[in-house]
Amino acid sequence: MKRGISLLISLAILAVIYWKIDFQGLLQVLHRCDRGWMAISLGMVVPITLTTAWRLQQLLPNQPETQVFQDEPCRLPIPRPRTALPFAEANRLILVASVLNMVLPSKMGDIAKAYFMQQRGYLSGARSLALVVFEKACDLMSLLLWCAFGLLLYPQKDRLFWLMTLSVVVGLVILGLLLGSRSFSDLFFALGRRLAPPRFAPKLGRVRESWQEIQRYGWRDRRQLLKITLTSLFIWFLHLLQIWFFIVALNAWTPFLANLALSPLAILAGLLPLTFAGVGTRDAALIWFYQPYFAAPTAAALGVLCTSRYLLPALGGLPFLGQYLDILRKAGWQPKSR
């Protein structure tokens, strides 16, 4: 039901956008695009997916997990065998999660990815969920870092852009402290429990415990953390480079540093839980932010191409979806769409 409402909102926003702009102009922009640059920009999905899959491999602990057996009097943790995650399997997990994120609410495809890793024996349930949340936190921090870098160098600053720059920097600092500081995260969740209604207090307590697991997981190896951080920054550089290639393919132009500021803002707008896969809000943001550089039909065409960034991996994951859905069916796992 919730997904259907999001789809209707997306269609309504797109209808308003295409009614306000010259829709025929949008089609002409797509028709007159540079075919070579279009192939290169769409093909960027491949290195982005491969690098993301390699990062998922690196995120898994190098050492076997330990667990406590309840029937042991001494209750000493002993190593539990862990299956190594093959590179091909990591790619399939990324692609299948992309499919499920298109049809399930609240990025549940990534939660399902954690479940698949647990069922395949790569990690325990708590660790696999912590890994996926940490992976998404790295993505968000990398996106905010590139956005802050671009905004600080963006030449056409007005009050709105200074406000957005401040918001991005504040969000980056808060996320960094939540990940890196145990005392700050404890204070954050304690404040949340005070302000939230009493019925949410137990849930916030469980979220706090899970977040502590995420902190332990992320900071277990400083060298590994540095590698994951640099890889995440590189992945999001590829994402933003792909959007710039889209602009070039549409025979338009935006300075690359300006694109580093504007495209993350559009992506962040698409993350708002209002529309289907960000369609509509992301398109409107692209038209608004890029208006100093090209006309609305070109920005709307850019929105179509940005949607393809999510659609192409989802299409690539369809051939593998059946085997993973069988895992969910055998376990009786039925995600709710409300």
Protein backbone atom coordinates (compact mmCIF):
# COMPACT_ATOMS: atom_id res chain seq x y z
CA MET A 1 0.00 0.00 0.00
CA LYS A 2 2.76 2.42 1.02
CA ARG A 3 4.72 1.59 -2.14
CA GLY A 4 1.64 2.24 -4.26
CA ILE A 5 1.14 5.66 -2.67
CA SER A 6 4.83 6.51 -3.31
CA LEU A 7 4.41 5.51 -6.95
CA LEU A 8 1.33 7.71 -7.31
CA ILE A 9 3.21 10.67 -5.77
CA SER A 10 6.10 10.11 -8.20
CA LEU A 11 3.74 9.99 -11.18
CA ALA A 12 1.94 13.12 -10.00
CA ILE A 13 5.21 15.07 -9.65
CA LEU A 14 6.40 13.89 -13.06
CA ALA A 15 3.05 14.86 -14.58
CA VAL A 16 3.39 18.40 -13.18
CA ILE A 17 7.01 18.65 -14.36
CA TYR A 18 6.26 17.44 -17.88
CA TRP A 19 3.19 19.68 -18.06
CA LYS A 20 5.20 22.75 -17.03
CA ILE A 21 8.15 22.15 -19.34
CA ASP A 22 8.30 21.43 -23.05
CA PHE A 23 7.86 17.65 -23.13
CA GLN A 24 8.63 17.51 -26.84
CA GLY A 25 11.82 19.38 -26.04
CA LEU A 26 12.76 16.65 -23.56
CA LEU A 27 12.29 14.00 -26.25
CA GLN A 28 14.35 16.04 -28.69
CA VAL A 29 17.17 16.38 -26.16
CA LEU A 30 17.25 12.60 -25.74
CA HIS A 31 17.04 12.08 -29.50
CA ARG A 32 19.94 14.46 -30.23
CA CYS A 33 22.21 13.03 -27.51
CA ASP A 34 25.78 11.98 -28.21
CA ARG A 35 25.53 8.20 -28.67
CA GLY A 36 29.15 7.55 -27.72
CA TRP A 37 29.01 9.50 -24.47
CA MET A 38 25.62 7.95 -23.72
CA ALA A 39 27.10 4.45 -24.01
CA ILE A 40 30.04 5.44 -21.78
CA SER A 41 27.81 7.05 -19.14
CA LEU A 42 25.34 4.16 -18.98
CA GLY A 43 28.25 1.71 -18.98
CA MET A 44 29.56 3.31 -15.78
CA VAL A 45 27.03 1.08 -13.99
CA VAL A 46 29.45 -1.82 -14.50
CA PRO A 47 32.56 -0.45 -12.70
CA ILE A 48 30.35 1.06 -9.98
CA THR A 49 28.71 -2.32 -9.31
CA LEU A 50 32.01 -4.21 -9.45
CA THR A 51 33.72 -1.80 -7.05
CA THR A 52 30.74 -1.90 -4.67
CA ALA A 53 30.85 -5.71 -4.70
CA TRP A 54 34.60 -5.65 -3.97
CA ARG A 55 33.95 -3.34 -1.03
CA LEU A 56 31.31 -5.76 0.29
CA GLN A 57 33.95 -8.49 0.19
CA GLN A 58 36.38 -6.30 2.12
CA LEU A 59 33.76 -5.44 4.73
CA LEU A 60 33.53 -9.04 5.89
CA PRO A 61 35.83 -9.81 8.85
CA ASN A 62 39.11 -11.48 8.02
CA GLN A 63 38.89 -13.68 11.12
CA PRO A 64 36.22 -16.29 11.93
CA GLU A 65 33.46 -15.07 14.21
CA THR A 66 33.24 -16.31 17.77
CA GLN A 67 30.18 -17.51 19.53
CA VAL A 68 29.31 -18.75 23.03
CA PHE A 69 27.77 -22.20 23.43
CA GLN A 70 25.04 -22.16 26.07
CA ASP A 71 25.73 -25.72 27.23
CA GLU A 72 29.38 -25.04 28.05
CA PRO A 73 29.95 -24.42 31.79
CA CYS A 74 32.82 -22.02 31.16
CA ARG A 75 30.91 -20.23 28.36
CA LEU A 76 34.12 -19.42 26.53
CA PRO A 77 33.77 -18.01 23.01
CA ILE A 78 35.16 -20.32 20.36
CA PRO A 79 35.72 -19.72 16.65
CA ARG A 80 32.73 -20.36 14.43
CA PRO A 81 33.52 -21.33 10.82
CA ARG A 82 32.69 -18.66 8.29
CA THR A 83 32.31 -19.10 4.55
CA ALA A 84 34.33 -16.69 2.43
CA LEU A 85 32.22 -14.40 0.22
CA PRO A 86 33.12 -14.99 -3.45
CA PHE A 87 33.34 -11.94 -5.73
CA ALA A 88 30.61 -13.29 -8.04
CA GLU A 89 28.30 -13.83 -5.07
CA ALA A 90 28.98 -10.28 -3.83
CA ASN A 91 27.94 -8.95 -7.25
CA ARG A 92 24.76 -11.02 -7.22
CA LEU A 93 23.89 -9.75 -3.74
CA ILE A 94 24.36 -6.13 -4.86
CA LEU A 95 22.20 -6.65 -7.96
CA VAL A 96 19.42 -8.54 -6.18
CA ALA A 97 19.32 -5.88 -3.46
CA SER A 98 18.86 -3.31 -6.25
CA VAL A 99 15.84 -5.25 -7.52
CA LEU A 100 14.27 -5.49 -4.08
CA ASN A 101 14.93 -1.82 -3.32
CA MET A 102 12.80 -0.96 -6.35
CA VAL A 103 9.76 -2.85 -5.05
CA LEU A 104 10.13 -2.84 -1.25
CA PRO A 105 9.83 0.22 1.01
CA SER A 106 12.57 1.82 3.10
CA LYS A 107 15.53 0.17 1.34
CA MET A 108 14.39 -3.25 2.56
CA GLY A 109 16.43 -4.79 -0.24
CA ASP A 110 19.59 -4.04 1.74
CA ILE A 111 18.06 -5.65 4.85
CA ALA A 112 17.27 -8.68 2.72
CA LYS A 113 20.91 -8.68 1.56
CA ALA A 114 21.98 -9.00 5.20
CA TYR A 115 19.55 -11.90 5.62
CA PHE A 116 20.93 -13.64 2.52
CA MET A 117 24.49 -13.35 3.87
CA GLN A 118 23.35 -14.88 7.15
CA GLN A 119 21.55 -17.77 5.46
CA ARG A 120 24.53 -18.47 3.19
CA GLY A 121 26.82 -18.72 6.20
CA TYR A 122 28.94 -15.64 5.55
CA LEU A 123 28.08 -13.89 8.84
CA SER A 124 25.79 -14.18 11.84
CA GLY A 125 22.49 -12.31 11.79
CA ALA A 126 23.59 -9.43 14.04
CA ARG A 127 26.90 -9.01 12.23
CA SER A 128 25.37 -9.14 8.74
CA LEU A 129 22.83 -6.45 9.64
CA ALA A 130 25.56 -4.32 11.23
CA LEU A 131 27.67 -4.74 8.08
CA VAL A 132 24.87 -3.55 5.79
CA VAL A 133 24.02 -0.56 8.00
CA PHE A 134 27.72 0.35 8.21
CA GLU A 135 27.97 0.03 4.42
CA LYS A 136 25.05 2.44 3.95
CA ALA A 137 26.52 4.82 6.53
CA CYS A 138 29.80 4.85 4.56
CA ASP A 139 27.83 5.64 1.40
CA LEU A 140 25.98 8.51 3.04
CA MET A 141 29.15 9.96 4.57
CA SER A 142 30.96 9.77 1.23
CA LEU A 143 28.07 11.48 -0.56
CA LEU A 144 27.97 14.24 2.07
CA LEU A 145 31.75 14.70 1.87
CA TRP A 146 31.71 15.17 -1.90
CA CYS A 147 28.68 17.46 -1.57
CA ALA A 148 30.39 19.60 1.10
CA PHE A 149 33.56 19.78 -1.00
CA GLY A 150 31.60 20.86 -4.07
CA LEU A 151 29.48 23.38 -2.19
CA LEU A 152 32.50 25.04 -0.61
CA LEU A 153 33.99 25.58 -4.10
CA TYR A 154 30.70 26.41 -5.81
CA PRO A 155 31.01 29.96 -7.21
CA GLN A 156 27.34 31.04 -7.30
CA LYS A 157 26.58 31.14 -3.58
CA ASP A 158 23.48 32.77 -2.20
CA ARG A 159 21.69 32.42 1.14
CA LEU A 160 20.02 29.17 0.09
CA PHE A 161 23.33 27.58 -0.85
CA TRP A 162 25.00 28.73 2.37
CA LEU A 163 22.08 27.17 4.26
CA MET A 164 22.45 23.92 2.33
CA THR A 165 26.22 23.95 2.88
CA LEU A 166 25.69 24.38 6.61
CA SER A 167 23.07 21.61 6.65
CA VAL A 168 25.34 19.19 4.79
CA VAL A 169 28.32 19.94 7.05
CA VAL A 170 26.21 19.58 10.22
CA GLY A 171 24.76 16.30 8.93
CA LEU A 172 28.25 15.06 8.13
CA VAL A 173 29.55 15.93 11.60
CA ILE A 174 26.57 14.30 13.36
CA LEU A 175 26.87 11.10 11.30
CA GLY A 176 30.61 10.98 11.91
CA LEU A 177 30.13 11.38 15.66
CA LEU A 178 27.39 8.74 15.72
CA LEU A 179 29.73 6.29 14.02
CA GLY A 180 32.92 7.20 15.82
CA SER A 181 31.96 8.31 19.33
CA ARG A 182 30.36 5.90 21.78
CA SER A 183 29.61 8.69 24.28
CA PHE A 184 27.94 10.87 21.61
CA SER A 185 25.78 8.01 20.34
CA ASP A 186 24.77 7.13 23.92
CA LEU A 187 23.80 10.77 24.50
CA PHE A 188 21.93 10.85 21.18
CA PHE A 189 19.84 7.76 21.95
CA ALA A 190 19.27 8.83 25.57
CA LEU A 191 17.91 12.14 24.33
CA GLY A 192 15.79 10.30 21.79
CA ARG A 193 14.27 8.11 24.50
CA ARG A 194 13.37 11.18 26.54
CA LEU A 195 11.73 13.00 23.65
CA ALA A 196 10.01 10.01 22.03
CA PRO A 197 6.65 8.67 23.26
CA PRO A 198 7.00 5.97 25.98
CA ARG A 199 5.88 3.17 23.66
CA PHE A 200 8.96 3.76 21.46
CA ALA A 201 11.46 3.51 24.35
CA PRO A 202 12.02 -0.29 24.06
CA LYS A 203 12.57 -0.01 20.30
CA LEU A 204 15.09 2.79 20.78
CA GLY A 205 16.89 0.64 23.34
CA ARG A 206 17.24 -2.17 20.79
CA VAL A 207 18.38 0.31 18.13
CA ARG A 208 21.02 1.60 20.56
CA GLU A 209 22.35 -1.94 21.12
CA SER A 210 22.46 -2.55 17.37
CA TRP A 211 24.26 0.74 16.82
CA GLN A 212 26.89 -0.23 19.39
CA GLU A 213 27.44 -3.40 17.38
CA ILE A 214 27.85 -1.27 14.26
CA GLN A 215 30.47 0.86 16.05
CA ARG A 216 32.39 -2.21 17.19
CA TYR A 217 32.17 -3.64 13.70
CA GLY A 218 33.32 -0.48 11.93
CA TRP A 219 36.27 0.28 14.22
CA ARG A 220 37.56 -3.27 14.65
CA ASP A 221 40.53 -2.60 12.30
CA ARG A 222 41.78 0.95 11.62
CA ARG A 223 43.67 0.00 8.44
CA GLN A 224 40.61 -1.81 7.15
CA LEU A 225 38.47 1.20 8.02
CA LEU A 226 40.77 3.48 6.02
CA LYS A 227 40.55 1.15 3.03
CA ILE A 228 36.76 1.02 3.22
CA THR A 229 36.55 4.81 3.58
CA LEU A 230 38.76 5.47 0.55
CA THR A 231 36.88 2.86 -1.48
CA SER A 232 33.54 4.45 -0.56
CA LEU A 233 34.81 7.88 -1.60
CA PHE A 234 35.99 6.41 -4.91
CA ILE A 235 32.63 4.68 -5.49
CA TRP A 236 30.76 7.95 -5.01
CA PHE A 237 33.23 9.79 -7.18
CA LEU A 238 32.27 7.30 -9.91
CA HIS A 239 28.57 7.95 -9.23
CA LEU A 240 29.00 11.72 -9.59
CA LEU A 241 31.29 11.30 -12.60
CA GLN A 242 28.56 9.23 -14.24
CA ILE A 243 26.04 12.06 -13.78
CA TRP A 244 28.54 14.49 -15.31
CA PHE A 245 28.96 12.10 -18.25
CA PHE A 246 25.15 12.14 -18.63
CA ILE A 247 25.30 15.93 -18.96
CA VAL A 248 28.01 15.68 -21.61
CA ALA A 249 25.99 13.01 -23.44
CA LEU A 250 23.01 15.40 -23.55
CA ASN A 251 25.23 17.98 -25.31
CA ALA A 252 25.03 20.27 -22.26
CA TRP A 253 27.73 21.56 -19.95
CA THR A 254 28.33 22.07 -16.24
CA PRO A 255 31.76 22.57 -14.65
CA PHE A 256 32.77 19.36 -12.92
CA LEU A 257 33.29 21.05 -9.54
CA ALA A 258 29.80 22.54 -9.78
CA ASN A 259 28.48 19.09 -10.55
CA LEU A 260 30.12 17.80 -7.35
CA ALA A 261 27.95 20.28 -5.45
CA LEU A 262 24.68 19.98 -7.36
CA SER A 263 24.31 16.30 -8.16
CA PRO A 264 24.64 15.15 -4.50
CA LEU A 265 21.91 17.61 -3.53
CA ALA A 266 19.62 16.07 -6.14
CA ILE A 267 20.49 12.56 -4.92
CA LEU A 268 19.77 13.59 -1.33
CA ALA A 269 16.40 14.98 -2.46
CA GLY A 270 15.66 11.59 -4.01
CA LEU A 271 16.33 9.89 -0.67
CA LEU A 272 13.32 11.60 0.92
CA PRO A 273 10.79 8.85 1.77
CA LEU A 274 8.03 10.38 -0.33
CA THR A 275 8.35 8.95 -3.82
CA PHE A 276 9.06 5.70 -5.65
CA ALA A 277 12.86 5.23 -5.83
CA GLY A 278 13.28 9.01 -5.64
CA VAL A 279 11.52 9.56 -8.97
CA GLY A 280 9.91 12.99 -9.05
CA THR A 281 11.69 14.68 -6.16
CA ARG A 282 15.08 13.97 -7.74
CA ASP A 283 13.85 15.22 -11.14
CA ALA A 284 12.48 18.43 -9.63
CA ALA A 285 15.74 19.00 -7.74
CA LEU A 286 17.78 18.55 -10.94
CA ILE A 287 15.65 21.13 -12.77
CA TRP A 288 15.98 23.58 -9.89
CA PHE A 289 19.68 23.21 -9.17
CA TYR A 290 20.94 23.06 -12.76
CA GLN A 291 18.89 25.97 -14.09
CA PRO A 292 21.98 28.27 -14.23
CA TYR A 293 23.58 25.87 -16.73
CA PHE A 294 20.88 24.47 -19.03
CA ALA A 295 17.16 24.56 -19.75
CA ALA A 296 14.46 22.57 -17.98
CA PRO A 297 13.96 20.00 -20.81
CA THR A 298 17.65 19.07 -20.60
CA ALA A 299 17.45 18.83 -16.80
CA ALA A 300 14.33 16.64 -17.12
CA ALA A 301 16.21 14.39 -19.56
CA LEU A 302 19.02 14.23 -17.01
CA GLY A 303 16.43 13.09 -14.47
CA VAL A 304 15.41 10.23 -16.77
CA LEU A 305 19.04 9.15 -17.10
CA CYS A 306 19.60 9.40 -13.33
CA THR A 307 16.65 7.05 -12.83
CA SER A 308 18.38 4.59 -15.16
CA ARG A 309 21.23 4.44 -12.61
CA TYR A 310 18.85 2.53 -10.34
CA LEU A 311 16.91 0.70 -13.04
CA LEU A 312 19.87 -0.90 -14.86
CA PRO A 313 21.31 -2.70 -11.79
CA ALA A 314 17.79 -3.84 -10.93
CA LEU A 315 17.39 -5.31 -14.42
CA GLY A 316 20.79 -6.95 -14.06
CA GLY A 317 19.65 -8.60 -10.84
CA LEU A 318 16.43 -10.10 -12.23
CA PRO A 319 18.08 -13.33 -13.49
CA PHE A 320 19.36 -14.05 -9.96
CA LEU A 321 16.24 -13.00 -8.07
CA GLY A 322 14.55 -16.41 -8.09
CA GLN A 323 17.24 -18.27 -6.16
CA TYR A 324 17.28 -15.62 -3.42
CA LEU A 325 13.50 -15.47 -3.19
CA ASP A 326 13.59 -19.23 -2.59
CA ILE A 327 15.74 -18.54 0.47
CA LEU A 328 13.09 -16.15 1.78
CA ARG A 329 10.25 -18.57 1.04
CA LYS A 330 11.96 -21.49 2.79
CA ALA A 331 12.48 -19.31 5.86
CA GLY A 332 8.88 -18.03 5.75
CA TRP A 333 10.09 -14.44 5.59
CA GLN A 334 7.27 -12.15 4.42
CA PRO A 335 8.24 -8.44 4.32
CA LYS A 336 5.32 -6.09 4.86
CA SER A 337 4.75 -3.20 2.48
CA ARG A 338 2.90 -0.95 4.89
